[in-house]
Amino acid sequence: MSAEAEVPPDALVIRFKPMDADRCLKRLDQDHRDTGYYCLSVFADTPRSGESEDQLRHRLLAASEMQGILASSNKAYYVCTRAENLLEQGFTFRKDDDGSMEVAEHYSVDFGPDAPTVEDVNRFIKSFDPDPVRRPK
């Protein structure tokens, strides 16, 4: 189970692959079979007191590794400057509430109750910066 979550519009959002429409649709179908929701995974947060944007980015990357996303298989990531870009496209954020070991920065972007279309996925993809940013070594 998951519940709708509030993510501040100015939150930095990182999304790992897949970031092409066909693979996102396959992932959405798989997640729907597993969870009952059409969602894609992201990591998001706003800077903590005294934390720079670069430090926030590093913290989100560290959170992704704690969630099991290996740096060796994800050399690049996409950044949405603000969660507002997704919210303006009609997406909402969800948070697992099943007692799982999900890290605080992990969210799922909810596509709604109906099977997403290619157009829905393209709206999601276009919300992100077009060029992948390389993980720091």
C-alpha atoms as a PDB file:
ATOM      1  CA  MET A   1       0.000   0.000   0.000  1.00  0.00           C
ATOM      2  CA  SER A   2       1.038   3.564  -0.484  1.00  0.00           C
ATOM      3  CA  ALA A   3      -0.414   6.951   0.295  1.00  0.00           C
ATOM      4  CA  GLU A   4      -0.328  10.291  -1.470  1.00  0.00           C
ATOM      5  CA  ALA A   5       2.606  12.369  -0.237  1.00  0.00           C
ATOM      6  CA  GLU A   6       3.306  16.080  -0.159  1.00  0.00           C
ATOM      7  CA  VAL A   7       6.505  17.040  -1.958  1.00  0.00           C
ATOM      8  CA  PRO A   8       7.384  20.746  -1.939  1.00  0.00           C
ATOM      9  CA  PRO A   9       7.221  22.261  -5.428  1.00  0.00           C
ATOM     10  CA  ASP A  10      10.857  23.420  -5.161  1.00  0.00           C
ATOM     11  CA  ALA A  11      12.163  19.923  -4.278  1.00  0.00           C
ATOM     12  CA  LEU A  12      14.965  18.536  -6.420  1.00  0.00           C
ATOM     13  CA  VAL A  13      13.901  15.270  -8.076  1.00  0.00           C
ATOM     14  CA  ILE A  14      16.263  12.607  -9.416  1.00  0.00           C
ATOM     15  CA  ARG A  15      15.048   9.809 -11.658  1.00  0.00           C
ATOM     16  CA  PHE A  16      17.178   6.877 -12.789  1.00  0.00           C
ATOM     17  CA  LYS A  17      16.640   4.829 -15.932  1.00  0.00           C
ATOM     18  CA  PRO A  18      14.567   3.873 -17.725  1.00  0.00           C
ATOM     19  CA  MET A  19      13.828   7.230 -19.294  1.00  0.00           C
ATOM     20  CA  ASP A  20      12.416   6.147 -22.652  1.00  0.00           C
ATOM     21  CA  ALA A  21       8.696   5.775 -23.241  1.00  0.00           C
ATOM     22  CA  ASP A  22       8.542   2.052 -24.070  1.00  0.00           C
ATOM     23  CA  ARG A  23      10.619   0.957 -21.087  1.00  0.00           C
ATOM     24  CA  CYS A  24       8.775   3.337 -18.739  1.00  0.00           C
ATOM     25  CA  LEU A  25       5.459   1.830 -19.867  1.00  0.00           C
ATOM     26  CA  LYS A  26       6.776  -1.672 -19.203  1.00  0.00           C
ATOM     27  CA  ARG A  27       7.985  -0.582 -15.768  1.00  0.00           C
ATOM     28  CA  LEU A  28       4.614   1.024 -14.998  1.00  0.00           C
ATOM     29  CA  ASP A  29       2.800  -2.201 -15.929  1.00  0.00           C
ATOM     30  CA  GLN A  30       5.165  -4.254 -13.782  1.00  0.00           C
ATOM     31  CA  ASP A  31       4.757  -1.943 -10.779  1.00  0.00           C
ATOM     32  CA  HIS A  32       0.978  -2.007 -11.214  1.00  0.00           C
ATOM     33  CA  ARG A  33       1.017  -5.817 -11.069  1.00  0.00           C
ATOM     34  CA  ASP A  34       3.201  -5.660  -7.934  1.00  0.00           C
ATOM     35  CA  THR A  35       1.543  -2.770  -6.085  1.00  0.00           C
ATOM     36  CA  GLY A  36      -1.777  -1.923  -7.732  1.00  0.00           C
ATOM     37  CA  TYR A  37      -0.487   1.555  -8.673  1.00  0.00           C
ATOM     38  CA  TYR A  38       0.924   2.973 -11.896  1.00  0.00           C
ATOM     39  CA  CYS A  39       4.036   4.650 -10.464  1.00  0.00           C
ATOM     40  CA  LEU A  40       7.679   5.347 -11.282  1.00  0.00           C
ATOM     41  CA  SER A  41      10.379   5.684  -8.647  1.00  0.00           C
ATOM     42  CA  VAL A  42      12.176   8.961  -7.895  1.00  0.00           C
ATOM     43  CA  PHE A  43      14.266  10.512  -5.117  1.00  0.00           C
ATOM     44  CA  ALA A  44      13.303  13.991  -3.974  1.00  0.00           C
ATOM     45  CA  ASP A  45      13.905  16.524  -1.237  1.00  0.00           C
ATOM     46  CA  THR A  46      14.636  20.162  -0.527  1.00  0.00           C
ATOM     47  CA  PRO A  47      17.941  21.352   0.927  1.00  0.00           C
ATOM     48  CA  ARG A  48      18.309  21.055   4.673  1.00  0.00           C
ATOM     49  CA  SER A  49      19.444  24.067   6.660  1.00  0.00           C
ATOM     50  CA  GLY A  50      22.866  25.106   5.355  1.00  0.00           C
ATOM     51  CA  GLU A  51      22.871  22.414   2.643  1.00  0.00           C
ATOM     52  CA  SER A  52      23.872  23.486  -0.868  1.00  0.00           C
ATOM     53  CA  GLU A  53      22.152  22.242  -4.013  1.00  0.00           C
ATOM     54  CA  ASP A  54      25.228  20.122  -4.778  1.00  0.00           C
ATOM     55  CA  GLN A  55      25.168  18.606  -1.278  1.00  0.00           C
ATOM     56  CA  LEU A  56      21.463  17.848  -1.715  1.00  0.00           C
ATOM     57  CA  ARG A  57      22.215  16.095  -4.999  1.00  0.00           C
ATOM     58  CA  HIS A  58      24.888  13.970  -3.289  1.00  0.00           C
ATOM     59  CA  ARG A  59      22.476  13.147  -0.445  1.00  0.00           C
ATOM     60  CA  LEU A  60      19.814  12.005  -2.915  1.00  0.00           C
ATOM     61  CA  LEU A  61      22.384   9.826  -4.681  1.00  0.00           C
ATOM     62  CA  ALA A  62      23.441   8.314  -1.343  1.00  0.00           C
ATOM     63  CA  ALA A  63      19.768   7.664  -0.511  1.00  0.00           C
ATOM     64  CA  SER A  64      19.337   5.888  -3.840  1.00  0.00           C
ATOM     65  CA  GLU A  65      22.244   3.602  -3.020  1.00  0.00           C
ATOM     66  CA  MET A  66      20.710   2.849   0.380  1.00  0.00           C
ATOM     67  CA  GLN A  67      17.526   1.916  -1.499  1.00  0.00           C
ATOM     68  CA  GLY A  68      19.514  -0.550  -3.614  1.00  0.00           C
ATOM     69  CA  ILE A  69      20.203   1.413  -6.791  1.00  0.00           C
ATOM     70  CA  LEU A  70      23.798   0.579  -7.587  1.00  0.00           C
ATOM     71  CA  ALA A  71      26.049   3.321  -8.921  1.00  0.00           C
ATOM     72  CA  SER A  72      27.824   0.774 -11.140  1.00  0.00           C
ATOM     73  CA  SER A  73      24.623   0.137 -13.105  1.00  0.00           C
ATOM     74  CA  ASN A  74      23.398   3.753 -13.086  1.00  0.00           C
ATOM     75  CA  LYS A  75      26.241   5.951 -14.260  1.00  0.00           C
ATOM     76  CA  ALA A  76      23.898   8.777 -15.266  1.00  0.00           C
ATOM     77  CA  TYR A  77      20.764  10.265 -13.753  1.00  0.00           C
ATOM     78  CA  TYR A  78      18.186  12.835 -14.718  1.00  0.00           C
ATOM     79  CA  VAL A  79      17.342  15.851 -12.633  1.00  0.00           C
ATOM     80  CA  CYS A  80      14.048  17.685 -12.537  1.00  0.00           C
ATOM     81  CA  THR A  81      14.901  21.144 -11.301  1.00  0.00           C
ATOM     82  CA  ARG A  82      11.754  21.239  -9.210  1.00  0.00           C
ATOM     83  CA  ALA A  83       8.955  18.837  -8.333  1.00  0.00           C
ATOM     84  CA  GLU A  84       6.701  21.611  -9.593  1.00  0.00           C
ATOM     85  CA  ASN A  85       7.461  20.460 -13.157  1.00  0.00           C
ATOM     86  CA  LEU A  86       5.819  17.101 -12.409  1.00  0.00           C
ATOM     87  CA  LEU A  87       2.998  18.569 -10.317  1.00  0.00           C
ATOM     88  CA  GLU A  88       2.113  20.992 -13.141  1.00  0.00           C
ATOM     89  CA  GLN A  89       1.770  18.004 -15.472  1.00  0.00           C
ATOM     90  CA  GLY A  90      -0.867  16.527 -13.145  1.00  0.00           C
ATOM     91  CA  PHE A  91       1.311  13.918 -11.448  1.00  0.00           C
ATOM     92  CA  THR A  92       1.225  13.282  -7.717  1.00  0.00           C
ATOM     93  CA  PHE A  93       3.733  11.686  -5.389  1.00  0.00           C
ATOM     94  CA  ARG A  94       3.182   8.560  -3.300  1.00  0.00           C
ATOM     95  CA  LYS A  95       5.023   7.141  -0.322  1.00  0.00           C
ATOM     96  CA  ASP A  96       5.029   3.510   0.819  1.00  0.00           C
ATOM     97  CA  ASP A  97       3.172   3.109   4.087  1.00  0.00           C
ATOM     98  CA  ASP A  98       3.606  -0.624   4.457  1.00  0.00           C
ATOM     99  CA  GLY A  99       6.392  -0.506   7.045  1.00  0.00           C
ATOM    100  CA  SER A 100       9.022  -1.179   4.374  1.00  0.00           C
ATOM    101  CA  MET A 101      12.589   0.009   4.699  1.00  0.00           C
ATOM    102  CA  GLU A 102      12.053   2.805   2.190  1.00  0.00           C
ATOM    103  CA  VAL A 103      14.410   5.768   2.686  1.00  0.00           C
ATOM    104  CA  ALA A 104      12.840   9.144   3.430  1.00  0.00           C
ATOM    105  CA  GLU A 105      13.897  10.616   0.075  1.00  0.00           C
ATOM    106  CA  HIS A 106      12.279   7.856  -2.018  1.00  0.00           C
ATOM    107  CA  TYR A 107       8.914   8.549  -3.634  1.00  0.00           C
ATOM    108  CA  SER A 108       6.839   7.172  -6.451  1.00  0.00           C
ATOM    109  CA  VAL A 109       5.332   9.437  -9.080  1.00  0.00           C
ATOM    110  CA  ASP A 110       1.713   8.353  -9.512  1.00  0.00           C
ATOM    111  CA  PHE A 111       0.246   8.236 -13.024  1.00  0.00           C
ATOM    112  CA  GLY A 112      -3.325   7.743 -11.788  1.00  0.00           C
ATOM    113  CA  PRO A 113      -5.732   4.803 -11.722  1.00  0.00           C
ATOM    114  CA  ASP A 114      -5.900   4.116 -15.471  1.00  0.00           C
ATOM    115  CA  ALA A 115      -3.224   2.460 -17.575  1.00  0.00           C
ATOM    116  CA  PRO A 116      -0.823   5.196 -18.718  1.00  0.00           C
ATOM    117  CA  THR A 117      -0.495   6.057 -22.379  1.00  0.00           C
ATOM    118  CA  VAL A 118       2.632   6.939 -24.341  1.00  0.00           C
ATOM    119  CA  GLU A 119       1.495  10.572 -24.082  1.00  0.00           C
ATOM    120  CA  ASP A 120       1.378  10.310 -20.274  1.00  0.00           C
ATOM    121  CA  VAL A 121       4.874   8.860 -20.165  1.00  0.00           C
ATOM    122  CA  ASN A 122       6.190  11.518 -22.546  1.00  0.00           C
ATOM    123  CA  ARG A 123       4.770  14.247 -20.260  1.00  0.00           C
ATOM    124  CA  PHE A 124       6.702  12.633 -17.409  1.00  0.00           C
ATOM    125  CA  ILE A 125       9.937  12.336 -19.404  1.00  0.00           C
ATOM    126  CA  LYS A 126       9.735  15.914 -20.709  1.00  0.00           C
ATOM    127  CA  SER A 127       9.498  17.191 -17.127  1.00  0.00           C
ATOM    128  CA  PHE A 128      13.148  16.196 -16.651  1.00  0.00           C
ATOM    129  CA  ASP A 129      16.299  17.845 -17.943  1.00  0.00           C
ATOM    130  CA  PRO A 130      17.033  16.369 -21.387  1.00  0.00           C
ATOM    131  CA  ASP A 131      20.704  15.607 -20.706  1.00  0.00           C
ATOM    132  CA  PRO A 132      21.788  13.001 -18.168  1.00  0.00           C
ATOM    133  CA  VAL A 133      24.146  14.144 -15.450  1.00  0.00           C
ATOM    134  CA  ARG A 134      27.052  11.823 -14.684  1.00  0.00           C
ATOM    135  CA  ARG A 135      27.351  10.452 -11.178  1.00  0.00           C
ATOM    136  CA  PRO A 136      30.351  11.836  -9.325  1.00  0.00           C
ATOM    137  CA  LYS A 137      33.196   9.345  -8.928  1.00  0.00           C
END
